[in-house]
């Protein structure tokens, strides 16, 4: 009997934050991290074509924080995340909180970084700046992610402790009704790599 495919509606975790596309994107990210880790292990000075650095830069641009995961997660942990995401996408399991938190972290961080670049160092945001951002957000590298911050540019301009990640963690905590430490624990992989 063929495995039932989960629908987008069934895959949503609190407040509809995780879609099938989000989960497929996470799966692709973890598969790429595994591929890059294997390539890095196989790279030698005599085989520079196997050097994964360019691909890592691209991965980090699309998934802010992914390089930390690549550095900190053991191969077994990466493989377990791939298996968990595949299981959810097959409809065998429900999403779990880390999936939503990590997906939202990437989306919100990409958007905040796009917005911050658009701001160009501006620290004071008025209604005109907000309107101009909404109009020009379509031209940014990740337009839908950047629009997540429309109406909240002042926070991006002056994030807590000067760190965009702190702002992102605050937003996710509110969305998931968790405290910031719980969100950090879900998003930031434990530094336990041993392989």
C-alpha atoms as a PDB file:
ATOM      1  CA  UNK A   1       0.000   0.000   0.000  1.00  0.00           C
ATOM      2  CA  UNK A   2       1.430   3.380  -1.000  1.00  0.00           C
ATOM      3  CA  UNK A   3       2.143   5.818   1.796  1.00  0.00           C
ATOM      4  CA  UNK A   4      -0.453   8.585   2.046  1.00  0.00           C
ATOM      5  CA  UNK A   5       0.938  12.029   1.209  1.00  0.00           C
ATOM      6  CA  UNK A   6       0.237  14.624   3.840  1.00  0.00           C
ATOM      7  CA  UNK A   7      -1.641  17.699   2.722  1.00  0.00           C
ATOM      8  CA  UNK A   8      -0.412  21.206   3.413  1.00  0.00           C
ATOM      9  CA  UNK A   9      -3.214  21.709   5.909  1.00  0.00           C
ATOM     10  CA  UNK A  10      -2.248  18.603   7.920  1.00  0.00           C
ATOM     11  CA  UNK A  11       1.386  19.710   8.187  1.00  0.00           C
ATOM     12  CA  UNK A  12       0.743  23.005   9.892  1.00  0.00           C
ATOM     13  CA  UNK A  13       2.069  23.525  13.364  1.00  0.00           C
ATOM     14  CA  UNK A  14       0.688  26.306  15.618  1.00  0.00           C
ATOM     15  CA  UNK A  15      -0.989  29.119  13.728  1.00  0.00           C
ATOM     16  CA  UNK A  16      -0.272  27.605  10.315  1.00  0.00           C
ATOM     17  CA  UNK A  17       3.403  28.497  10.193  1.00  0.00           C
ATOM     18  CA  UNK A  18       4.841  25.394   8.524  1.00  0.00           C
ATOM     19  CA  UNK A  19       3.790  24.417   5.023  1.00  0.00           C
ATOM     20  CA  UNK A  20       4.741  21.495   2.806  1.00  0.00           C
ATOM     21  CA  UNK A  21       7.040  23.828   0.870  1.00  0.00           C
ATOM     22  CA  UNK A  22       8.731  24.912   4.109  1.00  0.00           C
ATOM     23  CA  UNK A  23       9.361  21.297   5.038  1.00  0.00           C
ATOM     24  CA  UNK A  24      10.644  20.404   1.576  1.00  0.00           C
ATOM     25  CA  UNK A  25      12.991  23.364   1.808  1.00  0.00           C
ATOM     26  CA  UNK A  26      14.297  22.172   5.192  1.00  0.00           C
ATOM     27  CA  UNK A  27      14.766  18.672   3.809  1.00  0.00           C
ATOM     28  CA  UNK A  28      16.726  20.038   0.855  1.00  0.00           C
ATOM     29  CA  UNK A  29      18.875  22.070   3.269  1.00  0.00           C
ATOM     30  CA  UNK A  30      19.743  19.088   5.467  1.00  0.00           C
ATOM     31  CA  UNK A  31      20.431  16.902   2.429  1.00  0.00           C
ATOM     32  CA  UNK A  32      22.767  19.600   1.112  1.00  0.00           C
ATOM     33  CA  UNK A  33      24.529  19.902   4.469  1.00  0.00           C
ATOM     34  CA  UNK A  34      25.085  16.142   4.442  1.00  0.00           C
ATOM     35  CA  UNK A  35      26.398  16.280   0.871  1.00  0.00           C
ATOM     36  CA  UNK A  36      28.738  19.164   1.715  1.00  0.00           C
ATOM     37  CA  UNK A  37      30.017  17.496   4.882  1.00  0.00           C
ATOM     38  CA  UNK A  38      30.783  14.356   2.884  1.00  0.00           C
ATOM     39  CA  UNK A  39      32.468  16.423   0.166  1.00  0.00           C
ATOM     40  CA  UNK A  40      34.549  18.270   2.742  1.00  0.00           C
ATOM     41  CA  UNK A  41      35.663  14.965   4.250  1.00  0.00           C
ATOM     42  CA  UNK A  42      36.683  13.723   0.797  1.00  0.00           C
ATOM     43  CA  UNK A  43      38.425  16.935  -0.353  1.00  0.00           C
ATOM     44  CA  UNK A  44      42.190  16.814  -0.672  1.00  0.00           C
ATOM     45  CA  UNK A  45      44.765  19.301  -1.981  1.00  0.00           C
ATOM     46  CA  UNK A  46      45.032  17.121  -5.101  1.00  0.00           C
ATOM     47  CA  UNK A  47      41.232  17.205  -5.648  1.00  0.00           C
ATOM     48  CA  UNK A  48      40.245  20.873  -5.226  1.00  0.00           C
ATOM     49  CA  UNK A  49      37.156  20.372  -7.405  1.00  0.00           C
ATOM     50  CA  UNK A  50      35.614  18.719  -4.360  1.00  0.00           C
ATOM     51  CA  UNK A  51      36.060  21.866  -2.262  1.00  0.00           C
ATOM     52  CA  UNK A  52      32.544  22.674  -0.986  1.00  0.00           C
ATOM     53  CA  UNK A  53      33.177  26.283   0.096  1.00  0.00           C
ATOM     54  CA  UNK A  54      31.217  27.976  -2.736  1.00  0.00           C
ATOM     55  CA  UNK A  55      28.239  25.729  -2.135  1.00  0.00           C
ATOM     56  CA  UNK A  56      28.456  26.491   1.601  1.00  0.00           C
ATOM     57  CA  UNK A  57      28.323  30.234   0.902  1.00  0.00           C
ATOM     58  CA  UNK A  58      25.210  29.713  -1.239  1.00  0.00           C
ATOM     59  CA  UNK A  59      23.649  27.532   1.452  1.00  0.00           C
ATOM     60  CA  UNK A  60      24.313  30.176   4.108  1.00  0.00           C
ATOM     61  CA  UNK A  61      22.708  32.872   1.947  1.00  0.00           C
ATOM     62  CA  UNK A  62      19.545  30.839   1.484  1.00  0.00           C
ATOM     63  CA  UNK A  63      19.465  29.407   5.009  1.00  0.00           C
ATOM     64  CA  UNK A  64      21.057  31.797   7.519  1.00  0.00           C
ATOM     65  CA  UNK A  65      22.445  29.719  10.378  1.00  0.00           C
ATOM     66  CA  UNK A  66      22.934  26.593   8.258  1.00  0.00           C
ATOM     67  CA  UNK A  67      26.713  26.716   8.530  1.00  0.00           C
ATOM     68  CA  UNK A  68      26.451  26.584  12.301  1.00  0.00           C
ATOM     69  CA  UNK A  69      24.308  23.464  11.934  1.00  0.00           C
ATOM     70  CA  UNK A  70      26.809  22.020   9.469  1.00  0.00           C
ATOM     71  CA  UNK A  71      29.582  22.621  11.992  1.00  0.00           C
ATOM     72  CA  UNK A  72      27.750  21.562  15.135  1.00  0.00           C
ATOM     73  CA  UNK A  73      25.475  18.664  14.244  1.00  0.00           C
ATOM     74  CA  UNK A  74      26.906  15.161  14.121  1.00  0.00           C
ATOM     75  CA  UNK A  75      26.291  13.221  10.912  1.00  0.00           C
ATOM     76  CA  UNK A  76      23.845  10.989  12.800  1.00  0.00           C
ATOM     77  CA  UNK A  77      21.859  14.080  13.889  1.00  0.00           C
ATOM     78  CA  UNK A  78      21.744  15.402  10.325  1.00  0.00           C
ATOM     79  CA  UNK A  79      20.615  12.010   9.048  1.00  0.00           C
ATOM     80  CA  UNK A  80      17.945  11.869  11.775  1.00  0.00           C
ATOM     81  CA  UNK A  81      16.610  15.280  10.703  1.00  0.00           C
ATOM     82  CA  UNK A  82      16.448  14.147   7.082  1.00  0.00           C
ATOM     83  CA  UNK A  83      14.589  10.987   8.130  1.00  0.00           C
ATOM     84  CA  UNK A  84      12.167  12.959  10.330  1.00  0.00           C
ATOM     85  CA  UNK A  85      11.354  15.417   7.539  1.00  0.00           C
ATOM     86  CA  UNK A  86      10.901  12.605   5.018  1.00  0.00           C
ATOM     87  CA  UNK A  87       8.531  10.884   7.433  1.00  0.00           C
ATOM     88  CA  UNK A  88       6.439  14.025   7.864  1.00  0.00           C
ATOM     89  CA  UNK A  89       6.325  14.631   4.114  1.00  0.00           C
ATOM     90  CA  UNK A  90       5.178  11.051   3.525  1.00  0.00           C
ATOM     91  CA  UNK A  91       2.391  11.649   6.038  1.00  0.00           C
ATOM     92  CA  UNK A  92       3.701   9.112   8.534  1.00  0.00           C
ATOM     93  CA  UNK A  93       4.362  11.645  11.307  1.00  0.00           C
ATOM     94  CA  UNK A  94       3.236  15.111  12.331  1.00  0.00           C
ATOM     95  CA  UNK A  95       5.529  18.099  12.329  1.00  0.00           C
ATOM     96  CA  UNK A  96       7.461  18.709  15.514  1.00  0.00           C
ATOM     97  CA  UNK A  97       8.353  22.081  17.033  1.00  0.00           C
ATOM     98  CA  UNK A  98      11.988  22.188  15.842  1.00  0.00           C
ATOM     99  CA  UNK A  99      10.815  22.010  12.233  1.00  0.00           C
ATOM    100  CA  UNK A 100       8.610  25.068  12.579  1.00  0.00           C
ATOM    101  CA  UNK A 101      11.144  26.997  14.642  1.00  0.00           C
ATOM    102  CA  UNK A 102      14.028  26.324  12.240  1.00  0.00           C
ATOM    103  CA  UNK A 103      11.924  27.086   9.181  1.00  0.00           C
ATOM    104  CA  UNK A 104      10.689  30.356  10.678  1.00  0.00           C
ATOM    105  CA  UNK A 105      14.236  31.233  11.745  1.00  0.00           C
ATOM    106  CA  UNK A 106      15.474  30.968   8.162  1.00  0.00           C
ATOM    107  CA  UNK A 107      12.507  32.887   6.727  1.00  0.00           C
ATOM    108  CA  UNK A 108      12.583  35.674   9.280  1.00  0.00           C
ATOM    109  CA  UNK A 109      16.366  36.018   9.269  1.00  0.00           C
ATOM    110  CA  UNK A 110      16.510  36.180   5.460  1.00  0.00           C
ATOM    111  CA  UNK A 111      13.787  38.817   5.547  1.00  0.00           C
ATOM    112  CA  UNK A 112      15.387  40.849   8.312  1.00  0.00           C
ATOM    113  CA  UNK A 113      18.752  40.815   6.536  1.00  0.00           C
ATOM    114  CA  UNK A 114      17.111  41.957   3.283  1.00  0.00           C
ATOM    115  CA  UNK A 115      15.301  44.728   5.152  1.00  0.00           C
ATOM    116  CA  UNK A 116      18.486  45.756   6.971  1.00  0.00           C
ATOM    117  CA  UNK A 117      20.370  46.010   3.666  1.00  0.00           C
ATOM    118  CA  UNK A 118      17.499  48.060   2.236  1.00  0.00           C
ATOM    119  CA  UNK A 119      17.658  50.386   5.228  1.00  0.00           C
ATOM    120  CA  UNK A 120      21.304  51.121   4.446  1.00  0.00           C
ATOM    121  CA  UNK A 121      22.174  52.073   8.010  1.00  0.00           C
ATOM    122  CA  UNK A 122      19.091  54.217   8.608  1.00  0.00           C
ATOM    123  CA  UNK A 123      18.113  54.101  12.286  1.00  0.00           C
ATOM    124  CA  UNK A 124      15.024  56.301  12.246  1.00  0.00           C
ATOM    125  CA  UNK A 125      12.007  54.885  10.451  1.00  0.00           C
ATOM    126  CA  UNK A 126       8.926  56.938   9.653  1.00  0.00           C
ATOM    127  CA  UNK A 127       5.735  56.210   7.690  1.00  0.00           C
ATOM    128  CA  UNK A 128       7.378  57.306   4.429  1.00  0.00           C
ATOM    129  CA  UNK A 129      10.189  54.797   4.923  1.00  0.00           C
ATOM    130  CA  UNK A 130       7.667  52.055   5.700  1.00  0.00           C
ATOM    131  CA  UNK A 131       5.698  52.860   2.514  1.00  0.00           C
ATOM    132  CA  UNK A 132       8.860  52.994   0.414  1.00  0.00           C
ATOM    133  CA  UNK A 133       9.926  49.620   1.803  1.00  0.00           C
ATOM    134  CA  UNK A 134       6.574  48.035   0.973  1.00  0.00           C
ATOM    135  CA  UNK A 135       6.824  49.332  -2.596  1.00  0.00           C
ATOM    136  CA  UNK A 136      10.435  48.292  -3.137  1.00  0.00           C
ATOM    137  CA  UNK A 137      10.317  44.980  -1.237  1.00  0.00           C
ATOM    138  CA  UNK A 138       9.347  43.183  -4.463  1.00  0.00           C
ATOM    139  CA  UNK A 139      12.810  43.968  -5.832  1.00  0.00           C
ATOM    140  CA  UNK A 140      14.709  42.500  -2.875  1.00  0.00           C
ATOM    141  CA  UNK A 141      16.433  39.120  -3.042  1.00  0.00           C
ATOM    142  CA  UNK A 142      13.792  37.414  -0.847  1.00  0.00           C
ATOM    143  CA  UNK A 143      10.714  39.627  -1.295  1.00  0.00           C
ATOM    144  CA  UNK A 144       8.145  37.599   0.654  1.00  0.00           C
ATOM    145  CA  UNK A 145      10.598  37.095   3.521  1.00  0.00           C
ATOM    146  CA  UNK A 146      11.436  40.802   3.560  1.00  0.00           C
ATOM    147  CA  UNK A 147       7.723  41.676   3.660  1.00  0.00           C
ATOM    148  CA  UNK A 148       7.485  39.737   6.938  1.00  0.00           C
ATOM    149  CA  UNK A 149       9.097  42.855   8.443  1.00  0.00           C
ATOM    150  CA  UNK A 150       6.857  45.453   6.791  1.00  0.00           C
ATOM    151  CA  UNK A 151       5.420  47.562   9.556  1.00  0.00           C
ATOM    152  CA  UNK A 152       8.277  46.590  11.876  1.00  0.00           C
ATOM    153  CA  UNK A 153      11.266  48.209  10.180  1.00  0.00           C
ATOM    154  CA  UNK A 154      12.084  50.231  13.296  1.00  0.00           C
ATOM    155  CA  UNK A 155      12.835  46.966  15.111  1.00  0.00           C
ATOM    156  CA  UNK A 156      15.059  45.816  12.237  1.00  0.00           C
ATOM    157  CA  UNK A 157      16.846  49.170  12.235  1.00  0.00           C
ATOM    158  CA  UNK A 158      17.524  48.896  15.975  1.00  0.00           C
ATOM    159  CA  UNK A 159      17.326  45.213  16.965  1.00  0.00           C
ATOM    160  CA  UNK A 160      17.732  44.108  20.588  1.00  0.00           C
ATOM    161  CA  UNK A 161      21.381  44.215  21.624  1.00  0.00           C
ATOM    162  CA  UNK A 162      22.099  45.238  18.017  1.00  0.00           C
ATOM    163  CA  UNK A 163      21.523  41.647  16.844  1.00  0.00           C
ATOM    164  CA  UNK A 164      19.005  40.670  14.184  1.00  0.00           C
ATOM    165  CA  UNK A 165      18.937  37.102  15.524  1.00  0.00           C
ATOM    166  CA  UNK A 166      17.630  38.368  18.863  1.00  0.00           C
ATOM    167  CA  UNK A 167      14.805  40.114  17.023  1.00  0.00           C
ATOM    168  CA  UNK A 168      14.073  36.924  15.062  1.00  0.00           C
ATOM    169  CA  UNK A 169      14.004  34.813  18.226  1.00  0.00           C
ATOM    170  CA  UNK A 170      11.575  37.286  19.817  1.00  0.00           C
ATOM    171  CA  UNK A 171       9.250  37.064  16.810  1.00  0.00           C
ATOM    172  CA  UNK A 172       9.329  33.238  16.751  1.00  0.00           C
ATOM    173  CA  UNK A 173       8.723  33.091  20.500  1.00  0.00           C
ATOM    174  CA  UNK A 174       5.594  35.173  20.032  1.00  0.00           C
ATOM    175  CA  UNK A 175       4.396  33.098  17.100  1.00  0.00           C
ATOM    176  CA  UNK A 176       4.898  29.779  18.877  1.00  0.00           C
ATOM    177  CA  UNK A 177       3.900  31.046  22.319  1.00  0.00           C
ATOM    178  CA  UNK A 178       7.236  29.948  23.788  1.00  0.00           C
ATOM    179  CA  UNK A 179       9.893  31.763  25.732  1.00  0.00           C
ATOM    180  CA  UNK A 180      13.001  32.905  23.883  1.00  0.00           C
ATOM    181  CA  UNK A 181      15.251  30.315  25.547  1.00  0.00           C
ATOM    182  CA  UNK A 182      12.968  27.521  24.329  1.00  0.00           C
ATOM    183  CA  UNK A 183      13.083  28.929  20.809  1.00  0.00           C
ATOM    184  CA  UNK A 184      16.876  29.199  20.929  1.00  0.00           C
ATOM    185  CA  UNK A 185      17.063  25.556  22.032  1.00  0.00           C
ATOM    186  CA  UNK A 186      14.844  24.493  19.127  1.00  0.00           C
ATOM    187  CA  UNK A 187      16.771  26.481  16.530  1.00  0.00           C
ATOM    188  CA  UNK A 188      20.350  26.299  17.700  1.00  0.00           C
ATOM    189  CA  UNK A 189      21.736  22.817  17.455  1.00  0.00           C
ATOM    190  CA  UNK A 190      23.635  21.667  20.508  1.00  0.00           C
ATOM    191  CA  UNK A 191      27.365  21.903  20.003  1.00  0.00           C
ATOM    192  CA  UNK A 192      27.922  18.176  20.151  1.00  0.00           C
ATOM    193  CA  UNK A 193      29.563  17.165  16.882  1.00  0.00           C
ATOM    194  CA  UNK A 194      31.926  14.285  17.377  1.00  0.00           C
ATOM    195  CA  UNK A 195      32.536  12.982  13.851  1.00  0.00           C
END
